[in-house]
Amino acid sequence: MEILVIEDDKKTAAFLRRGLTEAGYTVEVEHDGKEGLWLAKIGDHDLIILDILLPGMDGREIMEEIRKQDSQTPVIFLTALDQVSDRVKGLELGADDYLVKPFAFSELLARVRTLFRRTTPSEGNVFKIQDLKIDPVVHKVTRGDQKIELTSQEFNLLLLLARYEGQVLTRTQIMQKIWEIDFEPNTNVVDVAVRRLRMKVDDPFETKLIHTVRGVGYVLEKRA
């Protein structure tokens, strides 16, 4: 597994390189935002660890540019920005996780391993709901004969809903299972994620499969 670290603090970057290398990963480090984006675009990385406050280009801009080209590579924001609004914005931009500095390396490593478990093919079941088909092994989603490109976060969200087909999942349940983070009750990160998923999975098609249960949460099911 190859990890790209975009971090301007050289001590932190060296610490990450050493720790991740000792954990068995191949690590590439870049200190400048623009150069980091270039490496992210031309490289074939399995994970990107991204700071926000970078010289040359802000990490959030990098995140946006990455998602324009690459919908699947997992990204972890690793930053000193610790407000709930910062975390929500990072996840809304398409990041898969958000860890605040100062951090314990053991926690970062656990999150890295969790992301790799999520994105490594391990399930043989293909989920079929109406004309929607989800194949976890090849990370492929189709409706009819049309392929749907999803980010890793969107794919995980859709897969979660499919696993619980017909069962309403609350926003808290979704948040804990997808992001493993507890937010304040009025945080709308789940609603934003579902809205983006619907734009790809439901909006272009006549039959809608992702439904809102007012005051509770969301459910994936075929309705007459």
C-alpha atoms as a PDB file:
ATOM      1  CA  MET A   1       0.000   0.000   0.000  1.00  0.00           C
ATOM      2  CA  GLU A   2       1.359   3.422  -0.981  1.00  0.00           C
ATOM      3  CA  ILE A   3       0.525   6.558   1.002  1.00  0.00           C
ATOM      4  CA  LEU A   4       1.067  10.167  -0.088  1.00  0.00           C
ATOM      5  CA  VAL A   5       1.619  12.616   2.783  1.00  0.00           C
ATOM      6  CA  ILE A   6       1.158  16.321   1.961  1.00  0.00           C
ATOM      7  CA  GLU A   7       2.414  18.123   5.071  1.00  0.00           C
ATOM      8  CA  ASP A   8       4.481  21.307   5.272  1.00  0.00           C
ATOM      9  CA  ASP A   9       5.854  20.781   8.790  1.00  0.00           C
ATOM     10  CA  LYS A  10       9.005  18.790   8.129  1.00  0.00           C
ATOM     11  CA  LYS A  11       9.197  17.257  11.609  1.00  0.00           C
ATOM     12  CA  THR A  12       5.614  16.031  11.394  1.00  0.00           C
ATOM     13  CA  ALA A  13       6.176  14.750   7.856  1.00  0.00           C
ATOM     14  CA  ALA A  14       9.325  12.881   8.917  1.00  0.00           C
ATOM     15  CA  PHE A  15       7.470  11.420  11.911  1.00  0.00           C
ATOM     16  CA  LEU A  16       4.666  10.225   9.649  1.00  0.00           C
ATOM     17  CA  ARG A  17       7.072   8.771   7.096  1.00  0.00           C
ATOM     18  CA  ARG A  18       8.965   6.840   9.761  1.00  0.00           C
ATOM     19  CA  GLY A  19       5.895   5.546  11.569  1.00  0.00           C
ATOM     20  CA  LEU A  20       3.977   4.528   8.453  1.00  0.00           C
ATOM     21  CA  THR A  21       7.049   2.928   6.901  1.00  0.00           C
ATOM     22  CA  GLU A  22       7.608   0.892  10.066  1.00  0.00           C
ATOM     23  CA  ALA A  23       3.948  -0.169   9.833  1.00  0.00           C
ATOM     24  CA  GLY A  24       4.674  -1.629   6.393  1.00  0.00           C
ATOM     25  CA  TYR A  25       3.502   1.110   4.046  1.00  0.00           C
ATOM     26  CA  THR A  26       5.355   2.836   1.212  1.00  0.00           C
ATOM     27  CA  VAL A  27       5.341   6.581   1.909  1.00  0.00           C
ATOM     28  CA  GLU A  28       5.870   9.594  -0.374  1.00  0.00           C
ATOM     29  CA  VAL A  29       6.093  13.046   1.213  1.00  0.00           C
ATOM     30  CA  GLU A  30       5.574  16.522  -0.234  1.00  0.00           C
ATOM     31  CA  HIS A  31       5.709  19.814   1.716  1.00  0.00           C
ATOM     32  CA  ASP A  32       4.187  22.199  -0.862  1.00  0.00           C
ATOM     33  CA  GLY A  33       0.499  22.300  -1.720  1.00  0.00           C
ATOM     34  CA  LYS A  34       0.805  22.692  -5.488  1.00  0.00           C
ATOM     35  CA  GLU A  35       3.489  20.041  -5.752  1.00  0.00           C
ATOM     36  CA  GLY A  36       1.415  17.758  -3.554  1.00  0.00           C
ATOM     37  CA  LEU A  37      -1.582  18.134  -5.845  1.00  0.00           C
ATOM     38  CA  TRP A  38       0.614  17.312  -8.838  1.00  0.00           C
ATOM     39  CA  LEU A  39       1.831  14.127  -7.149  1.00  0.00           C
ATOM     40  CA  ALA A  40      -1.729  13.201  -6.199  1.00  0.00           C
ATOM     41  CA  LYS A  41      -2.834  13.544  -9.820  1.00  0.00           C
ATOM     42  CA  ILE A  42       0.014  11.657 -11.477  1.00  0.00           C
ATOM     43  CA  GLY A  43       0.587   9.030  -8.783  1.00  0.00           C
ATOM     44  CA  ASP A  44      -1.185   5.780  -8.035  1.00  0.00           C
ATOM     45  CA  HIS A  45      -1.580   6.133  -4.270  1.00  0.00           C
ATOM     46  CA  ASP A  46      -3.809   3.988  -2.077  1.00  0.00           C
ATOM     47  CA  LEU A  47      -4.312   6.780   0.483  1.00  0.00           C
ATOM     48  CA  ILE A  48      -3.568  10.492   0.833  1.00  0.00           C
ATOM     49  CA  ILE A  49      -2.917  12.195   4.178  1.00  0.00           C
ATOM     50  CA  LEU A  50      -3.486  15.912   3.670  1.00  0.00           C
ATOM     51  CA  ASP A  51      -2.831  19.001   5.780  1.00  0.00           C
ATOM     52  CA  ILE A  52      -5.029  22.067   5.225  1.00  0.00           C
ATOM     53  CA  LEU A  53      -2.714  24.999   5.976  1.00  0.00           C
ATOM     54  CA  LEU A  54      -0.113  24.502   3.250  1.00  0.00           C
ATOM     55  CA  PRO A  55       2.166  26.834   1.301  1.00  0.00           C
ATOM     56  CA  GLY A  56       1.367  27.183  -2.367  1.00  0.00           C
ATOM     57  CA  MET A  57      -2.178  25.833  -2.181  1.00  0.00           C
ATOM     58  CA  ASP A  58      -4.720  25.298   0.581  1.00  0.00           C
ATOM     59  CA  GLY A  59      -5.503  21.681   1.454  1.00  0.00           C
ATOM     60  CA  ARG A  60      -9.222  22.194   0.882  1.00  0.00           C
ATOM     61  CA  GLU A  61      -8.512  23.412  -2.657  1.00  0.00           C
ATOM     62  CA  ILE A  62      -6.343  20.329  -3.165  1.00  0.00           C
ATOM     63  CA  MET A  63      -9.199  18.135  -1.934  1.00  0.00           C
ATOM     64  CA  GLU A  64     -11.590  19.691  -4.436  1.00  0.00           C
ATOM     65  CA  GLU A  65      -9.138  19.216  -7.301  1.00  0.00           C
ATOM     66  CA  ILE A  66      -8.440  15.606  -6.323  1.00  0.00           C
ATOM     67  CA  ARG A  67     -12.139  14.743  -6.346  1.00  0.00           C
ATOM     68  CA  LYS A  68     -12.614  16.275  -9.804  1.00  0.00           C
ATOM     69  CA  GLN A  69     -10.268  13.639 -11.202  1.00  0.00           C
ATOM     70  CA  ASP A  70     -10.189  10.860  -8.620  1.00  0.00           C
ATOM     71  CA  SER A  71     -13.412   9.683  -7.017  1.00  0.00           C
ATOM     72  CA  GLN A  72     -12.062   6.699  -5.108  1.00  0.00           C
ATOM     73  CA  THR A  73      -8.689   7.267  -3.406  1.00  0.00           C
ATOM     74  CA  PRO A  74      -9.302   7.705   0.348  1.00  0.00           C
ATOM     75  CA  VAL A  75      -8.160  11.003   1.882  1.00  0.00           C
ATOM     76  CA  ILE A  76      -7.557  11.813   5.552  1.00  0.00           C
ATOM     77  CA  PHE A  77      -7.329  15.455   6.590  1.00  0.00           C
ATOM     78  CA  LEU A  78      -4.651  15.838   9.276  1.00  0.00           C
ATOM     79  CA  THR A  79      -4.750  19.428  10.508  1.00  0.00           C
ATOM     80  CA  ALA A  80      -4.656  21.806  13.464  1.00  0.00           C
ATOM     81  CA  LEU A  81      -8.069  23.235  12.490  1.00  0.00           C
ATOM     82  CA  ASP A  82     -10.268  21.736  15.175  1.00  0.00           C
ATOM     83  CA  GLN A  83     -13.662  23.446  14.914  1.00  0.00           C
ATOM     84  CA  VAL A  84     -16.716  21.318  14.141  1.00  0.00           C
ATOM     85  CA  SER A  85     -17.326  23.518  11.086  1.00  0.00           C
ATOM     86  CA  ASP A  86     -13.806  22.702   9.833  1.00  0.00           C
ATOM     87  CA  ARG A  87     -14.417  18.959  10.200  1.00  0.00           C
ATOM     88  CA  VAL A  88     -17.803  19.174   8.521  1.00  0.00           C
ATOM     89  CA  LYS A  89     -16.380  21.195   5.613  1.00  0.00           C
ATOM     90  CA  GLY A  90     -13.566  18.685   5.144  1.00  0.00           C
ATOM     91  CA  LEU A  91     -15.970  15.745   4.982  1.00  0.00           C
ATOM     92  CA  GLU A  92     -18.341  17.634   2.705  1.00  0.00           C
ATOM     93  CA  LEU A  93     -15.469  18.192   0.273  1.00  0.00           C
ATOM     94  CA  GLY A  94     -15.097  14.429  -0.025  1.00  0.00           C
ATOM     95  CA  ALA A  95     -12.527  13.509   2.623  1.00  0.00           C
ATOM     96  CA  ASP A  96     -13.007  10.101   4.212  1.00  0.00           C
ATOM     97  CA  ASP A  97     -11.710  11.045   7.654  1.00  0.00           C
ATOM     98  CA  TYR A  98     -10.530  14.056   9.653  1.00  0.00           C
ATOM     99  CA  LEU A  99      -7.949  13.936  12.456  1.00  0.00           C
ATOM    100  CA  VAL A 100      -6.938  16.969  14.513  1.00  0.00           C
ATOM    101  CA  LYS A 101      -3.370  17.820  15.569  1.00  0.00           C
ATOM    102  CA  PRO A 102      -1.818  17.102  17.977  1.00  0.00           C
ATOM    103  CA  PHE A 103      -2.623  13.463  17.392  1.00  0.00           C
ATOM    104  CA  ALA A 104      -1.584  10.052  18.664  1.00  0.00           C
ATOM    105  CA  PHE A 105       0.117   8.061  15.928  1.00  0.00           C
ATOM    106  CA  SER A 106      -1.658   4.917  17.128  1.00  0.00           C
ATOM    107  CA  GLU A 107      -5.005   6.585  16.387  1.00  0.00           C
ATOM    108  CA  LEU A 108      -3.879   7.712  12.930  1.00  0.00           C
ATOM    109  CA  LEU A 109      -2.618   4.209  12.158  1.00  0.00           C
ATOM    110  CA  ALA A 110      -5.929   2.712  13.302  1.00  0.00           C
ATOM    111  CA  ARG A 111      -7.829   5.070  11.008  1.00  0.00           C
ATOM    112  CA  VAL A 112      -5.525   4.262   8.086  1.00  0.00           C
ATOM    113  CA  ARG A 113      -6.104   0.544   8.601  1.00  0.00           C
ATOM    114  CA  THR A 114      -9.862   1.077   8.908  1.00  0.00           C
ATOM    115  CA  LEU A 115      -9.949   2.918   5.581  1.00  0.00           C
ATOM    116  CA  PHE A 116      -7.939   0.188   3.893  1.00  0.00           C
ATOM    117  CA  ARG A 117     -10.324  -2.440   5.249  1.00  0.00           C
ATOM    118  CA  ARG A 118     -13.253  -0.501   3.830  1.00  0.00           C
ATOM    119  CA  THR A 119     -11.710  -0.117   0.389  1.00  0.00           C
ATOM    120  CA  THR A 120     -10.136  -3.586   0.076  1.00  0.00           C
ATOM    121  CA  PRO A 121     -12.426  -6.062  -1.701  1.00  0.00           C
ATOM    122  CA  SER A 122     -13.569  -8.606   0.865  1.00  0.00           C
ATOM    123  CA  GLU A 123     -17.217  -9.324   0.168  1.00  0.00           C
ATOM    124  CA  GLY A 124     -18.642 -11.571  -2.515  1.00  0.00           C
ATOM    125  CA  ASN A 125     -22.260 -10.444  -2.303  1.00  0.00           C
ATOM    126  CA  VAL A 126     -23.622  -8.294  -5.110  1.00  0.00           C
ATOM    127  CA  PHE A 127     -26.494  -6.102  -3.930  1.00  0.00           C
ATOM    128  CA  LYS A 128     -29.434  -5.609  -6.302  1.00  0.00           C
ATOM    129  CA  ILE A 129     -32.287  -3.203  -5.606  1.00  0.00           C
ATOM    130  CA  GLN A 130     -34.604  -2.564  -8.571  1.00  0.00           C
ATOM    131  CA  ASP A 131     -32.187  -1.744 -11.415  1.00  0.00           C
ATOM    132  CA  LEU A 132     -29.395  -0.709  -9.018  1.00  0.00           C
ATOM    133  CA  LYS A 133     -26.458  -3.109  -8.733  1.00  0.00           C
ATOM    134  CA  ILE A 134     -23.617  -2.714  -6.224  1.00  0.00           C
ATOM    135  CA  ASP A 135     -20.558  -4.955  -6.479  1.00  0.00           C
ATOM    136  CA  PRO A 136     -18.270  -4.503  -3.429  1.00  0.00           C
ATOM    137  CA  VAL A 137     -15.528  -6.707  -4.878  1.00  0.00           C
ATOM    138  CA  VAL A 138     -14.822  -4.509  -7.909  1.00  0.00           C
ATOM    139  CA  HIS A 139     -16.186  -1.315  -6.295  1.00  0.00           C
ATOM    140  CA  LYS A 140     -18.712  -0.914  -9.126  1.00  0.00           C
ATOM    141  CA  VAL A 141     -22.190   0.634  -9.152  1.00  0.00           C
ATOM    142  CA  THR A 142     -24.624   0.543 -12.064  1.00  0.00           C
ATOM    143  CA  ARG A 143     -28.256   1.358 -12.742  1.00  0.00           C
ATOM    144  CA  GLY A 144     -29.430  -0.574 -15.732  1.00  0.00           C
ATOM    145  CA  ASP A 145     -26.571  -0.383 -18.215  1.00  0.00           C
ATOM    146  CA  GLN A 146     -25.258   2.950 -16.883  1.00  0.00           C
ATOM    147  CA  LYS A 147     -22.150   2.951 -14.691  1.00  0.00           C
ATOM    148  CA  ILE A 148     -22.200   5.384 -11.761  1.00  0.00           C
ATOM    149  CA  GLU A 149     -18.927   6.897 -10.544  1.00  0.00           C
ATOM    150  CA  LEU A 150     -18.837   7.413  -6.777  1.00  0.00           C
ATOM    151  CA  THR A 151     -16.241   8.635  -4.310  1.00  0.00           C
ATOM    152  CA  SER A 152     -15.126   6.071  -1.736  1.00  0.00           C
ATOM    153  CA  GLN A 153     -17.237   7.876   0.857  1.00  0.00           C
ATOM    154  CA  GLU A 154     -20.306   7.842  -1.397  1.00  0.00           C
ATOM    155  CA  PHE A 155     -19.751   4.170  -2.204  1.00  0.00           C
ATOM    156  CA  ASN A 156     -19.493   3.269   1.483  1.00  0.00           C
ATOM    157  CA  LEU A 157     -22.668   5.207   2.223  1.00  0.00           C
ATOM    158  CA  LEU A 158     -24.586   3.494  -0.586  1.00  0.00           C
ATOM    159  CA  LEU A 159     -23.249   0.091   0.459  1.00  0.00           C
ATOM    160  CA  LEU A 160     -24.340   0.734   4.048  1.00  0.00           C
ATOM    161  CA  LEU A 161     -27.871   1.596   2.933  1.00  0.00           C
ATOM    162  CA  ALA A 162     -27.944  -1.469   0.685  1.00  0.00           C
ATOM    163  CA  ARG A 163     -26.862  -3.783   3.493  1.00  0.00           C
ATOM    164  CA  TYR A 164     -29.833  -2.523   5.496  1.00  0.00           C
ATOM    165  CA  GLU A 165     -32.245  -2.458   2.534  1.00  0.00           C
ATOM    166  CA  GLY A 166     -35.743  -1.590   3.721  1.00  0.00           C
ATOM    167  CA  GLN A 167     -34.509  -0.614   7.188  1.00  0.00           C
ATOM    168  CA  VAL A 168     -34.423   3.028   8.239  1.00  0.00           C
ATOM    169  CA  LEU A 169     -31.015   4.199   9.431  1.00  0.00           C
ATOM    170  CA  THR A 170     -30.865   7.275  11.640  1.00  0.00           C
ATOM    171  CA  ARG A 171     -28.423  10.072  10.927  1.00  0.00           C
ATOM    172  CA  THR A 172     -26.485   9.120  14.062  1.00  0.00           C
ATOM    173  CA  GLN A 173     -26.187   5.504  12.926  1.00  0.00           C
ATOM    174  CA  ILE A 174     -24.962   6.578   9.493  1.00  0.00           C
ATOM    175  CA  MET A 175     -22.477   9.025  10.969  1.00  0.00           C
ATOM    176  CA  GLN A 176     -21.004   6.464  13.341  1.00  0.00           C
ATOM    177  CA  LYS A 177     -20.762   3.698  10.741  1.00  0.00           C
ATOM    178  CA  ILE A 178     -19.337   5.787   7.885  1.00  0.00           C
ATOM    179  CA  TRP A 179     -17.170   8.350   9.677  1.00  0.00           C
ATOM    180  CA  GLU A 180     -16.819   6.802  13.147  1.00  0.00           C
ATOM    181  CA  ILE A 181     -17.067  10.358  14.511  1.00  0.00           C
ATOM    182  CA  ASP A 182     -19.667  11.869  16.823  1.00  0.00           C
ATOM    183  CA  PHE A 183     -20.902  15.309  15.770  1.00  0.00           C
ATOM    184  CA  GLU A 184     -23.279  17.747  17.374  1.00  0.00           C
ATOM    185  CA  PRO A 185     -26.974  16.841  16.794  1.00  0.00           C
ATOM    186  CA  ASN A 186     -27.597  19.762  14.416  1.00  0.00           C
ATOM    187  CA  THR A 187     -24.692  18.911  12.097  1.00  0.00           C
ATOM    188  CA  ASN A 188     -25.919  18.334   8.534  1.00  0.00           C
ATOM    189  CA  VAL A 189     -22.960  16.343   7.191  1.00  0.00           C
ATOM    190  CA  VAL A 190     -25.119  13.238   6.674  1.00  0.00           C
ATOM    191  CA  ASP A 191     -27.795  15.196   4.815  1.00  0.00           C
ATOM    192  CA  VAL A 192     -25.154  16.724   2.539  1.00  0.00           C
ATOM    193  CA  ALA A 193     -23.600  13.309   1.853  1.00  0.00           C
ATOM    194  CA  VAL A 194     -26.983  11.753   1.066  1.00  0.00           C
ATOM    195  CA  ARG A 195     -27.901  14.680  -1.193  1.00  0.00           C
ATOM    196  CA  ARG A 196     -24.683  14.207  -3.191  1.00  0.00           C
ATOM    197  CA  LEU A 197     -25.315  10.480  -3.429  1.00  0.00           C
ATOM    198  CA  ARG A 198     -28.852  11.059  -4.661  1.00  0.00           C
ATOM    199  CA  MET A 199     -27.585  13.382  -7.393  1.00  0.00           C
ATOM    200  CA  LYS A 200     -25.735  10.422  -8.886  1.00  0.00           C
ATOM    201  CA  VAL A 201     -27.879   7.421  -7.963  1.00  0.00           C
ATOM    202  CA  ASP A 202     -31.432   8.811  -8.092  1.00  0.00           C
ATOM    203  CA  ASP A 203     -31.722  12.160  -9.864  1.00  0.00           C
ATOM    204  CA  PRO A 204     -30.922  10.927 -13.413  1.00  0.00           C
ATOM    205  CA  PHE A 205     -33.482   8.099 -13.099  1.00  0.00           C
ATOM    206  CA  GLU A 206     -37.261   7.980 -12.943  1.00  0.00           C
ATOM    207  CA  THR A 207     -37.471   5.497 -10.057  1.00  0.00           C
ATOM    208  CA  LYS A 208     -36.106   6.840  -6.773  1.00  0.00           C
ATOM    209  CA  LEU A 209     -34.515   4.415  -4.339  1.00  0.00           C
ATOM    210  CA  ILE A 210     -33.105   6.575  -1.519  1.00  0.00           C
ATOM    211  CA  HIS A 211     -35.942   7.868   0.639  1.00  0.00           C
ATOM    212  CA  THR A 212     -36.114  10.275   3.557  1.00  0.00           C
ATOM    213  CA  VAL A 213     -38.070   9.240   6.641  1.00  0.00           C
ATOM    214  CA  ARG A 214     -38.892  12.602   8.116  1.00  0.00           C
ATOM    215  CA  GLY A 215     -37.503  13.115  11.598  1.00  0.00           C
ATOM    216  CA  VAL A 216     -35.695   9.767  11.565  1.00  0.00           C
ATOM    217  CA  GLY A 217     -33.209   9.188   8.768  1.00  0.00           C
ATOM    218  CA  TYR A 218     -32.871   7.430   5.395  1.00  0.00           C
ATOM    219  CA  VAL A 219     -33.758   4.128   3.792  1.00  0.00           C
ATOM    220  CA  LEU A 220     -32.843   2.435   0.518  1.00  0.00           C
ATOM    221  CA  GLU A 221     -35.736   0.459  -0.931  1.00  0.00           C
ATOM    222  CA  LYS A 222     -37.980  -0.082  -3.928  1.00  0.00           C
ATOM    223  CA  ARG A 223     -41.330   1.611  -3.525  1.00  0.00           C
ATOM    224  CA  ALA A 224     -44.411   1.192  -5.660  1.00  0.00           C
END
